C-alpha cells in the first residue's frame, strides 16, 4: 500500500444535536475533523499508510484530537506540539430549505502560528508516495501559507505526487488573496480537485452557465475550464465534484475528471442523496476516494485509471453523506459495492 501524507488543521467540532439552531441548543455534540485530517482517515480506512501532519497545543484537547486520528489508524508521529489552542468550529445543521451554518473560532490556533521549523519535512517525505493539502490551510494565516509552500517544495524534492483540493472558504479570506496565494502554489501540484466555486474564486475560472441552485450543470463549461487549467498549470488530472443542491437535505452528486495529457473528459455516475445525514466532510471523502482510486489503478491505461478512480471517489463521498461527523468511516468493500451498482441499502445479515 502507498504512503500518503496530508497536512492541515484538525479542529474541535461542536454541533447542535439533530437539526437544532444555535439558539435552541443546550448542549453540543463533539467530533474532531478538518479537511486534510478527514482525507487521512478515509485513506487509512481503505488500507493505505496515511499520515497527518499538523500542530496542536500541549493540553488535553490537543491530545484528544490526536487520539481521534490514531483511533482510525492514522500515523501522527510528526505532529508538532505547541501553541496556545486548538481551533474550534460550530455547526448548525440545516434541513430542507434552511442551509447549514458554520461559525469559526480558530484565530491564533496552533497551526496558524506554526512555522516550517516545527516540521522535519525531509524526514516526513523521505518514503512518501503522495502529499495532499487543501486551500483551507494557507487561508488560516500567512504563516500557514508559508508552511504549506515549504511542505510542497519538500514533497517535490522527494519526487512525491502532490494533490490539492482548492476548498475556497469566504469566511477565512478574500477571493483576491486566495488567487494570489494559491496560484503560486499550483506550480507544485499534479492533481487538482475542486468545484465550480473553487475554480472561480481560487483560480479565476468560471464553468459556463452552471447554477448549482437550479441543478443545471453545463458539462461543456467544465471541459473548457479544465483545458484552460491544464494549459496554464500542467496538471496531470483536473477533477470537479458536481453537487446539485436542491435543498440542505437533498443533493444530486457526481463528478467529472480530465486527463491533462490526453484531455480525455469523463463524467461519473450520478447519485441522488436524500435525505442527507451530514454533508460536512463530503468533499474530503471525495478527495480521499479519488487519491485511493488513482493509486490503486495506477497500472491501468490512463483513461481506465481515471474512470475507475472517479467512480470510487463519488461512491465513497455519497456514502459519507449518510454518516454523522467529519470522518468517512466506510470500508473499501462498502464503497466497491455501491460503485458496482448496489445502492439498495438492504440490511446485511
Protein backbone atom coordinates (compact mmCIF):
# COMPACT_ATOMS: atom_id res chain seq x y z
CA UNK A 1 0.00 0.00 0.00
CA UNK A 2 1.06 3.58 -0.62
CA UNK A 3 2.13 6.13 1.97
CA UNK A 4 0.09 9.33 1.77
CA UNK A 5 0.91 12.42 3.83
CA UNK A 6 -1.72 15.09 4.44
CA UNK A 7 -1.15 18.37 6.28
CA UNK A 8 -3.53 20.94 7.71
CA UNK A 9 -5.58 21.84 10.74
CA UNK A 10 -7.61 19.46 12.85
CA UNK A 11 -10.34 21.19 14.85
CA UNK A 12 -12.80 20.52 17.61
CA UNK A 13 -16.27 20.39 16.06
CA UNK A 14 -19.21 21.40 18.26
CA UNK A 15 -22.52 20.73 16.51
CA UNK A 16 -26.09 21.23 17.60
CA UNK A 17 -27.99 17.97 18.21
CA UNK A 18 -30.29 16.94 15.39
CA UNK A 19 -31.27 19.96 13.34
CA UNK A 20 -31.46 22.46 16.17
CA UNK A 21 -30.47 26.09 15.68
CA UNK A 22 -27.75 27.52 17.90
CA UNK A 23 -30.27 29.43 19.97
CA UNK A 24 -32.16 26.23 20.80
CA UNK A 25 -29.17 24.18 21.82
CA UNK A 26 -28.40 23.41 25.48
CA UNK A 27 -25.53 21.09 24.57
CA UNK A 28 -23.25 20.29 21.63
CA UNK A 29 -22.13 17.02 20.07
CA UNK A 30 -18.34 16.68 19.97
CA UNK A 31 -16.33 15.49 16.97
CA UNK A 32 -12.89 16.24 15.57
CA UNK A 33 -12.18 16.96 11.94
CA UNK A 34 -10.68 19.15 9.27
CA UNK A 35 -10.10 18.90 5.53
CA UNK A 36 -6.79 17.08 5.34
CA UNK A 37 -7.38 15.08 8.54
CA UNK A 38 -10.61 13.77 7.04
CA UNK A 39 -8.74 12.66 3.91
CA UNK A 40 -6.17 10.82 6.02
CA UNK A 41 -8.88 8.90 7.89
CA UNK A 42 -10.52 7.85 4.62
CA UNK A 43 -7.22 6.56 3.22
CA UNK A 44 -6.40 4.69 6.42
CA UNK A 45 -9.82 3.04 6.26
CA UNK A 46 -9.02 1.84 2.74
CA UNK A 47 -5.82 0.19 3.97
CA UNK A 48 -3.24 2.76 2.91
CA UNK A 49 -0.44 4.10 5.11
CA UNK A 50 -1.88 7.53 5.89
CA UNK A 51 -0.10 10.17 7.95
CA UNK A 52 -1.41 13.53 9.12
CA UNK A 53 0.88 16.46 9.91
CA UNK A 54 -0.22 19.45 11.97
CA UNK A 55 0.49 21.33 15.19
CA UNK A 56 -1.68 21.00 18.29
CA UNK A 57 -1.49 22.58 21.75
CA UNK A 58 0.06 20.74 24.68
CA UNK A 59 -3.22 20.32 26.50
CA UNK A 60 -5.91 17.62 26.86
CA UNK A 61 -7.92 18.93 23.89
CA UNK A 62 -4.89 18.71 21.61
CA UNK A 63 -4.28 15.16 22.84
CA UNK A 64 -7.92 14.24 22.17
CA UNK A 65 -7.62 15.47 18.58
CA UNK A 66 -4.56 13.30 18.03
CA UNK A 67 -6.26 10.34 19.68
CA UNK A 68 -9.24 10.72 17.32
CA UNK A 69 -6.85 10.21 14.39
CA UNK A 70 -4.99 7.30 15.97
CA UNK A 71 -8.30 5.55 16.64
CA UNK A 72 -8.75 5.12 12.87
CA UNK A 73 -5.19 4.11 12.10
CA UNK A 74 -3.71 7.46 11.01
CA UNK A 75 0.02 7.93 11.72
CA UNK A 76 0.66 11.00 13.91
CA UNK A 77 4.37 10.79 14.76
CA UNK A 78 5.30 14.05 13.03
CA UNK A 79 2.58 16.17 14.66
CA UNK A 80 4.22 19.15 16.38
CA UNK A 81 3.11 20.16 19.86
CA UNK A 82 2.89 23.77 20.95
CA UNK A 83 0.94 26.97 20.56
CA UNK A 84 -2.00 28.16 22.60
CA UNK A 85 -5.13 26.45 21.33
CA UNK A 86 -6.93 24.05 19.06
CA UNK A 87 -9.22 25.66 16.51
CA UNK A 88 -12.97 25.19 17.02
CA UNK A 89 -15.86 25.28 14.63
CA UNK A 90 -19.53 25.30 15.48
CA UNK A 91 -22.03 23.60 13.18
CA UNK A 92 -25.74 24.25 12.95
CA UNK A 93 -27.08 21.50 10.67
CA UNK A 94 -29.73 22.71 8.25
CA UNK A 95 -32.73 20.89 6.83
CA UNK A 96 -34.89 21.28 3.73
CA UNK A 97 -34.60 24.89 2.54
CA UNK A 98 -32.65 26.03 5.65
CA UNK A 99 -28.90 25.76 4.99
CA UNK A 100 -26.30 24.54 7.45
CA UNK A 101 -24.27 27.26 9.13
CA UNK A 102 -20.62 27.08 10.22
CA UNK A 103 -19.12 29.52 12.73
CA UNK A 104 -15.33 29.51 13.14
CA UNK A 105 -13.35 30.13 16.31
CA UNK A 106 -9.87 29.32 15.08
CA UNK A 107 -7.87 32.56 15.23
CA UNK A 108 -4.32 32.05 16.55
CA UNK A 109 -4.69 28.29 16.68
CA UNK A 110 -1.53 26.20 16.95
CA UNK A 111 -1.29 25.50 13.22
CA UNK A 112 -1.95 29.17 12.41
CA UNK A 113 1.16 30.18 14.37
CA UNK A 114 3.35 27.27 13.22
CA UNK A 115 6.48 27.75 11.12
CA UNK A 116 8.43 25.42 8.85
CA UNK A 117 10.93 24.96 11.67
CA UNK A 118 8.28 22.94 13.53
CA UNK A 119 8.48 20.15 10.94
CA UNK A 120 11.25 17.95 9.55
CA UNK A 121 9.86 17.77 6.04
CA UNK A 122 12.80 15.74 4.71
CA UNK A 123 12.02 13.01 7.23
CA UNK A 124 8.26 13.30 6.62
CA UNK A 125 8.56 12.84 2.85
CA UNK A 126 11.56 10.51 2.59
CA UNK A 127 9.42 7.42 1.93
CA UNK A 128 6.13 9.05 0.90
CA UNK A 129 4.29 8.46 -2.36
CA UNK A 130 1.67 11.23 -2.21
CA UNK A 131 1.11 14.58 -0.48
CA UNK A 132 -2.29 16.23 -0.14
CA UNK A 133 -3.24 19.69 1.10
CA UNK A 134 -6.23 21.99 0.71
CA UNK A 135 -6.85 25.68 0.15
CA UNK A 136 -8.08 25.91 3.74
CA UNK A 137 -4.65 25.61 5.33
CA UNK A 138 -2.93 28.56 3.58
CA UNK A 139 -6.10 30.59 4.26
CA UNK A 140 -5.73 30.16 8.04
CA UNK A 141 -2.77 32.56 8.30
CA UNK A 142 0.18 33.93 6.36
CA UNK A 143 2.46 31.66 8.39
CA UNK A 144 0.36 28.63 7.50
CA UNK A 145 0.64 29.60 3.82
CA UNK A 146 4.44 29.68 4.17
CA UNK A 147 4.43 26.27 5.88
CA UNK A 148 2.26 24.86 3.09
CA UNK A 149 4.69 26.04 0.42
CA UNK A 150 7.64 24.63 2.36
CA UNK A 151 5.87 21.26 2.52
CA UNK A 152 5.13 21.35 -1.22
CA UNK A 153 8.76 22.14 -2.06
CA UNK A 154 9.98 19.26 0.10
CA UNK A 155 7.44 16.87 -1.40
CA UNK A 156 8.53 17.70 -4.94
CA UNK A 157 12.21 17.40 -3.96
CA UNK A 158 11.45 13.83 -2.87
CA UNK A 159 9.55 13.02 -6.07
CA UNK A 160 6.19 12.85 -4.32
CA UNK A 161 2.91 13.33 -6.22
CA UNK A 162 1.09 16.42 -4.91
CA UNK A 163 -2.67 16.97 -4.90
CA UNK A 164 -4.75 19.92 -3.78
CA UNK A 165 -8.41 20.41 -3.00
CA UNK A 166 -8.96 24.11 -3.69
CA UNK A 167 -11.65 24.47 -1.00
CA UNK A 168 -12.43 28.20 -1.02
CA UNK A 169 -13.65 29.48 2.38
CA UNK A 170 -15.00 33.02 2.18
CA UNK A 171 -15.03 33.29 5.99
CA UNK A 172 -11.24 32.87 6.01
CA UNK A 173 -10.00 35.03 3.12
CA UNK A 174 -11.00 37.00 0.05
CA UNK A 175 -11.02 35.69 -3.49
CA UNK A 176 -8.28 38.18 -4.39
CA UNK A 177 -5.91 36.88 -1.71
CA UNK A 178 -6.83 33.27 -2.45
CA UNK A 179 -5.89 33.72 -6.10
CA UNK A 180 -2.57 35.35 -5.23
CA UNK A 181 -1.51 32.64 -2.77
CA UNK A 182 -2.98 29.59 -4.47
CA UNK A 183 -1.85 30.46 -8.00
CA UNK A 184 1.71 30.41 -6.67
CA UNK A 185 1.18 27.00 -5.02
CA UNK A 186 -0.14 25.46 -8.23
CA UNK A 187 3.41 25.15 -9.56
CA UNK A 188 3.88 22.17 -7.22
CA UNK A 189 0.54 20.46 -7.93
CA UNK A 190 -0.01 17.36 -10.08
CA UNK A 191 -3.68 16.64 -9.29
CA UNK A 192 -6.16 19.49 -8.80
CA UNK A 193 -9.57 18.93 -7.16
CA UNK A 194 -12.31 21.50 -6.72
CA UNK A 195 -15.82 22.50 -7.60
CA UNK A 196 -17.25 25.31 -9.71
CA UNK A 197 -16.99 27.92 -6.92
CA UNK A 198 -13.41 26.90 -6.07
CA UNK A 199 -12.32 27.16 -9.70
CA UNK A 200 -13.71 30.68 -9.96
CA UNK A 201 -12.81 32.09 -6.54
CA UNK A 202 -9.40 30.46 -6.14
CA UNK A 203 -8.04 30.31 -9.69
CA UNK A 204 -10.31 32.64 -11.68
CA UNK A 205 -12.02 30.08 -13.95
CA UNK A 206 -15.81 30.00 -14.32
CA UNK A 207 -17.57 26.92 -15.80
CA UNK A 208 -20.04 28.27 -18.34
CA UNK A 209 -23.63 28.76 -17.24
CA UNK A 210 -23.66 26.30 -14.35
CA UNK A 211 -26.02 27.17 -11.50
CA UNK A 212 -25.92 24.60 -8.69
CA UNK A 213 -29.02 26.04 -7.04
CA UNK A 214 -31.12 25.19 -10.09
CA UNK A 215 -29.44 21.85 -10.72
CA UNK A 216 -28.19 22.98 -14.15
CA UNK A 217 -24.71 21.62 -14.80
CA UNK A 218 -23.18 22.52 -18.15
CA UNK A 219 -20.51 19.89 -18.85
CA UNK A 220 -19.07 21.81 -21.80
CA UNK A 221 -18.21 24.62 -19.39
CA UNK A 222 -16.31 22.28 -17.10
CA UNK A 223 -14.45 20.76 -20.02
CA UNK A 224 -13.46 24.23 -21.18
CA UNK A 225 -12.04 25.37 -17.84
CA UNK A 226 -10.30 22.02 -17.32
CA UNK A 227 -8.49 22.58 -20.61
CA UNK A 228 -7.53 26.09 -19.54
CA UNK A 229 -6.27 24.87 -16.16
CA UNK A 230 -4.18 22.11 -17.76
CA UNK A 231 -2.76 24.61 -20.25
CA UNK A 232 -1.82 27.08 -17.51
CA UNK A 233 -0.61 24.77 -14.74
CA UNK A 234 0.26 21.48 -16.45
CA UNK A 235 -1.90 19.35 -14.17
CA UNK A 236 -1.89 15.58 -14.70
CA UNK A 237 -5.55 15.41 -13.69
CA UNK A 238 -8.23 18.02 -13.01
CA UNK A 239 -11.34 16.97 -11.13
CA UNK A 240 -14.54 18.65 -10.02
CA UNK A 241 -17.25 17.33 -7.78
CA UNK A 242 -20.73 18.16 -9.12
CA UNK A 243 -23.22 18.99 -6.40
CA UNK A 244 -26.81 19.77 -7.35
CA UNK A 245 -28.17 21.41 -4.21
CA UNK A 246 -31.96 21.04 -4.28
CA UNK A 247 -32.11 21.60 -0.52
CA UNK A 248 -29.97 21.08 2.59
CA UNK A 249 -31.42 17.59 2.80
CA UNK A 250 -31.43 16.59 -0.88
CA UNK A 251 -28.49 16.78 -3.28
CA UNK A 252 -27.53 15.27 -6.59
CA UNK A 253 -23.91 14.10 -6.51
CA UNK A 254 -21.48 13.20 -9.27
CA UNK A 255 -18.10 14.34 -10.58
CA UNK A 256 -16.05 14.89 -13.71
CA UNK A 257 -12.37 14.41 -14.49
CA UNK A 258 -9.90 15.24 -17.24
CA UNK A 259 -6.57 13.61 -18.08
CA UNK A 260 -4.16 16.52 -18.52
CA UNK A 261 -2.14 14.80 -21.24
CA UNK A 262 -4.78 13.19 -23.47
CA UNK A 263 -7.53 15.71 -22.50
CA UNK A 264 -9.95 12.81 -22.20
CA UNK A 265 -13.00 14.00 -20.23
CA UNK A 266 -15.36 11.78 -18.24
CA UNK A 267 -18.40 12.29 -16.02
CA UNK A 268 -19.20 9.75 -13.33
CA UNK A 269 -22.39 8.04 -12.36
CA UNK A 270 -24.83 10.33 -10.52
CA UNK A 271 -26.23 9.62 -7.05
CA UNK A 272 -29.43 11.08 -5.61
CA UNK A 273 -28.77 11.61 -1.89
CA UNK A 274 -31.98 12.11 0.07
CA UNK A 275 -32.08 12.57 2.99
CA UNK A 276 -28.59 13.81 3.81
CA UNK A 277 -27.45 12.94 7.32
CA UNK A 278 -24.29 15.10 7.37
CA UNK A 279 -22.69 16.71 4.32
CA UNK A 280 -19.70 18.19 6.17
CA UNK A 281 -16.65 16.28 5.05
CA UNK A 282 -18.33 15.16 1.83
CA UNK A 283 -15.72 16.86 -0.33
CA UNK A 284 -12.88 15.48 1.77
CA UNK A 285 -14.26 11.96 1.45
CA UNK A 286 -14.34 12.54 -2.31
CA UNK A 287 -10.69 13.60 -2.30
CA UNK A 288 -9.71 10.60 -0.20
CA UNK A 289 -11.57 8.25 -2.53
CA UNK A 290 -10.00 9.86 -5.59
CA UNK A 291 -6.45 9.54 -4.24
CA UNK A 292 -7.11 5.92 -3.32
CA UNK A 293 -8.57 5.22 -6.76
CA UNK A 294 -5.70 6.84 -8.65
CA UNK A 295 -3.11 4.96 -6.60
CA UNK A 296 -4.87 1.60 -6.76
CA UNK A 297 -5.40 1.80 -10.52
CA UNK A 298 -2.00 3.25 -11.44
CA UNK A 299 -1.16 0.22 -13.61
CA UNK A 300 -4.20 0.71 -15.86
CA UNK A 301 -4.34 2.71 -19.08
CA UNK A 302 -4.78 6.43 -18.27
CA UNK A 303 -8.44 6.61 -19.32
CA UNK A 304 -9.35 3.43 -17.46
CA UNK A 305 -7.44 4.65 -14.41
CA UNK A 306 -9.27 7.95 -14.20
CA UNK A 307 -12.67 6.35 -14.74
CA UNK A 308 -12.12 3.77 -12.02
CA UNK A 309 -10.79 6.43 -9.63
CA UNK A 310 -13.67 8.87 -10.13
CA UNK A 311 -16.33 6.18 -9.71
CA UNK A 312 -14.73 5.02 -6.46
CA UNK A 313 -14.47 8.62 -5.22
CA UNK A 314 -18.09 9.52 -5.99
CA UNK A 315 -19.41 6.34 -4.36
CA UNK A 316 -17.25 6.94 -1.27
CA UNK A 317 -18.44 10.52 -0.86
CA UNK A 318 -22.07 9.61 -1.48
CA UNK A 319 -21.81 7.19 1.43
CA UNK A 320 -20.18 9.86 3.63
CA UNK A 321 -23.37 11.93 3.39
CA UNK A 322 -25.07 9.19 5.43
CA UNK A 323 -22.59 9.32 8.34
CA UNK A 324 -22.58 11.89 11.19
CA UNK A 325 -19.29 13.66 11.88
CA UNK A 326 -16.42 14.81 9.68
CA UNK A 327 -14.80 11.42 9.09
CA UNK A 328 -15.87 8.98 6.39
CA UNK A 329 -15.88 5.62 8.18
CA UNK A 330 -16.94 3.34 5.34
CA UNK A 331 -14.79 0.41 4.27
CA UNK A 332 -13.28 -0.23 0.86
CA UNK A 333 -15.77 -3.10 0.42
CA UNK A 334 -18.76 -0.85 1.10
CA UNK A 335 -17.53 1.68 -1.47
CA UNK A 336 -16.91 -1.00 -4.06
CA UNK A 337 -20.38 -2.44 -3.50
CA UNK A 338 -22.03 0.91 -4.17
CA UNK A 339 -19.75 1.73 -7.09
CA UNK A 340 -20.68 -1.65 -8.51
CA UNK A 341 -24.33 -0.65 -8.64
CA UNK A 342 -25.81 -1.92 -5.36
CA UNK A 343 -27.39 1.11 -3.70
CA UNK A 344 -30.38 -0.75 -2.29
CA UNK A 345 -29.47 -0.14 1.35
CA UNK A 346 -30.77 -3.58 2.26
CA UNK A 347 -29.87 -4.97 5.68
CA UNK A 348 -26.66 -7.02 5.56
CA UNK A 349 -27.10 -10.26 7.51
